[in-house]
Amino acid sequence: MILPIVQAGDPVLRAPARPLSLDEIRSTAIQQLIADMRETMRAAPGVGLAAPQVGVGLRIAVIEDPPDYHEQIPDDLLAAQGRTPVERYVLINPELAIVDDTPAEWFEGCLSVDGYRAVVPRASGVHVRTKR
């Protein structure tokens, strides 16, 4: 099911998301939420979606940057961004550690700020790990 994406200004986007327990992760409700988030992200279309963006204050994100998205982007821009296809991932209780803080900046959008794109500074390299 495609879920509504909440927009900037919604309090759920400012509140800390709650981590999930192992029992919650295994639950039918959370597995359905993950499936719905994937469907919502693809329909948007986007390359990432966090549970708070669909109004759920949990530490879950889905990401995917399929090769067919890259067909619409010039090769030089893909190279400049270091962008390569990313298979589907579900991140539960993710923690980021910066491994290369060299600034990387390019235009990007956010599904919760519909119709707006801006240059966003990011670290060039991060390590993502998940914990229970």
C-alpha atoms as a PDB file:
ATOM      1  CA  MET A   1       0.000   0.000   0.000  1.00  0.00           C
ATOM      2  CA  ILE A   2       1.278   3.456  -0.866  1.00  0.00           C
ATOM      3  CA  LEU A   3       1.410   5.562   2.282  1.00  0.00           C
ATOM      4  CA  PRO A   4       0.975   9.338   2.471  1.00  0.00           C
ATOM      5  CA  ILE A   5       4.301  11.162   2.833  1.00  0.00           C
ATOM      6  CA  VAL A   6       4.234  13.827   5.534  1.00  0.00           C
ATOM      7  CA  GLN A   7       5.654  17.218   4.630  1.00  0.00           C
ATOM      8  CA  ALA A   8       8.010  19.643   6.356  1.00  0.00           C
ATOM      9  CA  GLY A   9       6.382  21.137   9.418  1.00  0.00           C
ATOM     10  CA  ASP A  10       4.862  17.874  10.617  1.00  0.00           C
ATOM     11  CA  PRO A  11       6.043  17.304  14.230  1.00  0.00           C
ATOM     12  CA  VAL A  12       6.963  13.646  13.556  1.00  0.00           C
ATOM     13  CA  LEU A  13       9.844  14.876  11.364  1.00  0.00           C
ATOM     14  CA  ARG A  14      11.386  16.804  14.285  1.00  0.00           C
ATOM     15  CA  ALA A  15      10.884  14.205  17.020  1.00  0.00           C
ATOM     16  CA  PRO A  16      13.540  11.578  17.766  1.00  0.00           C
ATOM     17  CA  ALA A  17      12.517   8.246  16.258  1.00  0.00           C
ATOM     18  CA  ARG A  18      12.283   5.289  18.614  1.00  0.00           C
ATOM     19  CA  PRO A  19      14.462   2.194  18.165  1.00  0.00           C
ATOM     20  CA  LEU A  20      12.775  -1.153  17.652  1.00  0.00           C
ATOM     21  CA  SER A  21      13.168  -4.308  19.711  1.00  0.00           C
ATOM     22  CA  LEU A  22      13.907  -7.643  18.044  1.00  0.00           C
ATOM     23  CA  ASP A  23      10.342  -8.802  18.705  1.00  0.00           C
ATOM     24  CA  GLU A  24       8.963  -5.674  17.046  1.00  0.00           C
ATOM     25  CA  ILE A  25      11.224  -6.157  14.011  1.00  0.00           C
ATOM     26  CA  ARG A  26       9.863  -9.679  13.564  1.00  0.00           C
ATOM     27  CA  SER A  27       6.232  -8.596  13.898  1.00  0.00           C
ATOM     28  CA  THR A  28       3.792  -8.732  11.027  1.00  0.00           C
ATOM     29  CA  ALA A  29       2.966  -5.047  11.519  1.00  0.00           C
ATOM     30  CA  ILE A  30       6.592  -3.912  11.085  1.00  0.00           C
ATOM     31  CA  GLN A  31       7.194  -6.239   8.145  1.00  0.00           C
ATOM     32  CA  GLN A  32       4.090  -4.771   6.473  1.00  0.00           C
ATOM     33  CA  LEU A  33       5.273  -1.231   7.251  1.00  0.00           C
ATOM     34  CA  ILE A  34       8.608  -2.004   5.560  1.00  0.00           C
ATOM     35  CA  ALA A  35       6.857  -3.396   2.479  1.00  0.00           C
ATOM     36  CA  ASP A  36       4.582  -0.346   2.331  1.00  0.00           C
ATOM     37  CA  MET A  37       7.548   2.013   2.733  1.00  0.00           C
ATOM     38  CA  ARG A  38       9.335   0.347  -0.204  1.00  0.00           C
ATOM     39  CA  GLU A  39       6.237   0.670  -2.364  1.00  0.00           C
ATOM     40  CA  THR A  40       5.792   4.307  -1.307  1.00  0.00           C
ATOM     41  CA  MET A  41       9.443   5.161  -2.023  1.00  0.00           C
ATOM     42  CA  ARG A  42       9.304   3.618  -5.504  1.00  0.00           C
ATOM     43  CA  ALA A  43       6.004   5.305  -6.356  1.00  0.00           C
ATOM     44  CA  ALA A  44       7.254   8.746  -5.273  1.00  0.00           C
ATOM     45  CA  PRO A  45       9.882   8.058  -6.877  1.00  0.00           C
ATOM     46  CA  GLY A  46      12.737   8.357  -4.412  1.00  0.00           C
ATOM     47  CA  VAL A  47      15.941   6.599  -3.397  1.00  0.00           C
ATOM     48  CA  GLY A  48      15.332   6.614   0.343  1.00  0.00           C
ATOM     49  CA  LEU A  49      12.496   6.901   2.810  1.00  0.00           C
ATOM     50  CA  ALA A  50      12.470   6.915   6.615  1.00  0.00           C
ATOM     51  CA  ALA A  51       9.536   5.827   8.734  1.00  0.00           C
ATOM     52  CA  PRO A  52       8.977   9.343  10.151  1.00  0.00           C
ATOM     53  CA  GLN A  53       8.371  10.504   6.556  1.00  0.00           C
ATOM     54  CA  VAL A  54       5.257   8.329   6.525  1.00  0.00           C
ATOM     55  CA  GLY A  55       4.221   9.532   9.978  1.00  0.00           C
ATOM     56  CA  VAL A  56       5.714   6.659  12.001  1.00  0.00           C
ATOM     57  CA  GLY A  57       8.262   7.627  14.661  1.00  0.00           C
ATOM     58  CA  LEU A  58      10.421   4.500  14.389  1.00  0.00           C
ATOM     59  CA  ARG A  59      14.076   4.089  13.387  1.00  0.00           C
ATOM     60  CA  ILE A  60      13.508   2.386  10.025  1.00  0.00           C
ATOM     61  CA  ALA A  61      14.685   3.477   6.588  1.00  0.00           C
ATOM     62  CA  VAL A  62      14.491   1.872   3.172  1.00  0.00           C
ATOM     63  CA  ILE A  63      16.929   2.736   0.390  1.00  0.00           C
ATOM     64  CA  GLU A  64      17.358   1.737  -3.230  1.00  0.00           C
ATOM     65  CA  ASP A  65      18.992   3.476  -6.197  1.00  0.00           C
ATOM     66  CA  PRO A  66      18.294   1.144  -9.126  1.00  0.00           C
ATOM     67  CA  PRO A  67      20.229   1.253 -12.414  1.00  0.00           C
ATOM     68  CA  ASP A  68      17.203   2.512 -14.357  1.00  0.00           C
ATOM     69  CA  TYR A  69      17.260   5.732 -12.279  1.00  0.00           C
ATOM     70  CA  HIS A  70      20.824   6.301 -13.515  1.00  0.00           C
ATOM     71  CA  GLU A  71      19.796   6.129 -17.169  1.00  0.00           C
ATOM     72  CA  GLN A  72      18.184   9.562 -16.804  1.00  0.00           C
ATOM     73  CA  ILE A  73      21.305  11.255 -15.370  1.00  0.00           C
ATOM     74  CA  PRO A  74      24.345  12.375 -17.402  1.00  0.00           C
ATOM     75  CA  ASP A  75      27.409  10.154 -16.900  1.00  0.00           C
ATOM     76  CA  ASP A  76      29.587  13.097 -15.831  1.00  0.00           C
ATOM     77  CA  LEU A  77      27.146  13.995 -13.036  1.00  0.00           C
ATOM     78  CA  LEU A  78      26.970  10.384 -11.847  1.00  0.00           C
ATOM     79  CA  ALA A  79      30.786  10.300 -11.780  1.00  0.00           C
ATOM     80  CA  ALA A  80      31.050  13.642  -9.952  1.00  0.00           C
ATOM     81  CA  GLN A  81      28.647  12.386  -7.293  1.00  0.00           C
ATOM     82  CA  GLY A  82      30.319   8.986  -7.072  1.00  0.00           C
ATOM     83  CA  ARG A  83      26.832   7.601  -7.551  1.00  0.00           C
ATOM     84  CA  THR A  84      26.479   3.916  -8.328  1.00  0.00           C
ATOM     85  CA  PRO A  85      23.398   1.684  -8.211  1.00  0.00           C
ATOM     86  CA  VAL A  86      22.383   0.576  -4.730  1.00  0.00           C
ATOM     87  CA  GLU A  87      20.342  -2.557  -4.160  1.00  0.00           C
ATOM     88  CA  ARG A  88      17.374  -2.582  -1.804  1.00  0.00           C
ATOM     89  CA  TYR A  89      18.235  -2.233   1.852  1.00  0.00           C
ATOM     90  CA  VAL A  90      16.218  -1.935   5.006  1.00  0.00           C
ATOM     91  CA  LEU A  91      17.982  -0.150   7.841  1.00  0.00           C
ATOM     92  CA  ILE A  92      16.630  -0.743  11.320  1.00  0.00           C
ATOM     93  CA  ASN A  93      18.032   1.209  14.255  1.00  0.00           C
ATOM     94  CA  PRO A  94      20.806   2.647  12.037  1.00  0.00           C
ATOM     95  CA  GLU A  95      23.829   4.511  13.383  1.00  0.00           C
ATOM     96  CA  LEU A  96      26.100   6.553  11.116  1.00  0.00           C
ATOM     97  CA  ALA A  97      29.804   7.131  11.611  1.00  0.00           C
ATOM     98  CA  ILE A  98      31.600   9.598   9.366  1.00  0.00           C
ATOM     99  CA  VAL A  99      34.690   8.027   7.800  1.00  0.00           C
ATOM    100  CA  ASP A 100      35.494  10.832   5.337  1.00  0.00           C
ATOM    101  CA  ASP A 101      34.319  14.313   6.249  1.00  0.00           C
ATOM    102  CA  THR A 102      35.419  15.822   2.940  1.00  0.00           C
ATOM    103  CA  PRO A 103      32.404  17.872   1.855  1.00  0.00           C
ATOM    104  CA  ALA A 104      30.329  16.501  -1.015  1.00  0.00           C
ATOM    105  CA  GLU A 105      27.680  18.906  -2.286  1.00  0.00           C
ATOM    106  CA  TRP A 106      25.127  18.621  -5.063  1.00  0.00           C
ATOM    107  CA  PHE A 107      21.443  19.273  -5.629  1.00  0.00           C
ATOM    108  CA  GLU A 108      19.105  16.820  -4.010  1.00  0.00           C
ATOM    109  CA  GLY A 109      15.494  16.635  -3.050  1.00  0.00           C
ATOM    110  CA  CYS A 110      13.523  15.246  -0.146  1.00  0.00           C
ATOM    111  CA  LEU A 111      10.178  13.504  -0.403  1.00  0.00           C
ATOM    112  CA  SER A 112       9.027  15.463   2.668  1.00  0.00           C
ATOM    113  CA  VAL A 113       9.810  18.800   1.015  1.00  0.00           C
ATOM    114  CA  ASP A 114       7.819  18.276  -2.157  1.00  0.00           C
ATOM    115  CA  GLY A 115       8.948  20.201  -5.220  1.00  0.00           C
ATOM    116  CA  TYR A 116      12.090  21.678  -3.656  1.00  0.00           C
ATOM    117  CA  ARG A 117      15.709  20.880  -4.454  1.00  0.00           C
ATOM    118  CA  ALA A 118      18.802  22.430  -2.907  1.00  0.00           C
ATOM    119  CA  VAL A 119      22.536  21.944  -2.615  1.00  0.00           C
ATOM    120  CA  VAL A 120      23.035  19.871   0.515  1.00  0.00           C
ATOM    121  CA  PRO A 121      26.476  19.359   2.078  1.00  0.00           C
ATOM    122  CA  ARG A 122      27.188  15.743   3.038  1.00  0.00           C
ATOM    123  CA  ALA A 123      30.205  13.818   4.245  1.00  0.00           C
ATOM    124  CA  SER A 124      31.945  11.983   1.401  1.00  0.00           C
ATOM    125  CA  GLY A 125      32.023   8.719   3.321  1.00  0.00           C
ATOM    126  CA  VAL A 126      29.961   7.181   6.092  1.00  0.00           C
ATOM    127  CA  HIS A 127      29.743   3.767   7.681  1.00  0.00           C
ATOM    128  CA  VAL A 128      26.260   2.615   8.615  1.00  0.00           C
ATOM    129  CA  ARG A 129      25.690  -0.041  11.202  1.00  0.00           C
ATOM    130  CA  THR A 130      22.573  -1.333  12.815  1.00  0.00           C
ATOM    131  CA  LYS A 131      22.055  -2.491  16.374  1.00  0.00           C
ATOM    132  CA  ARG A 132      19.226  -4.046  18.260  1.00  0.00           C
END
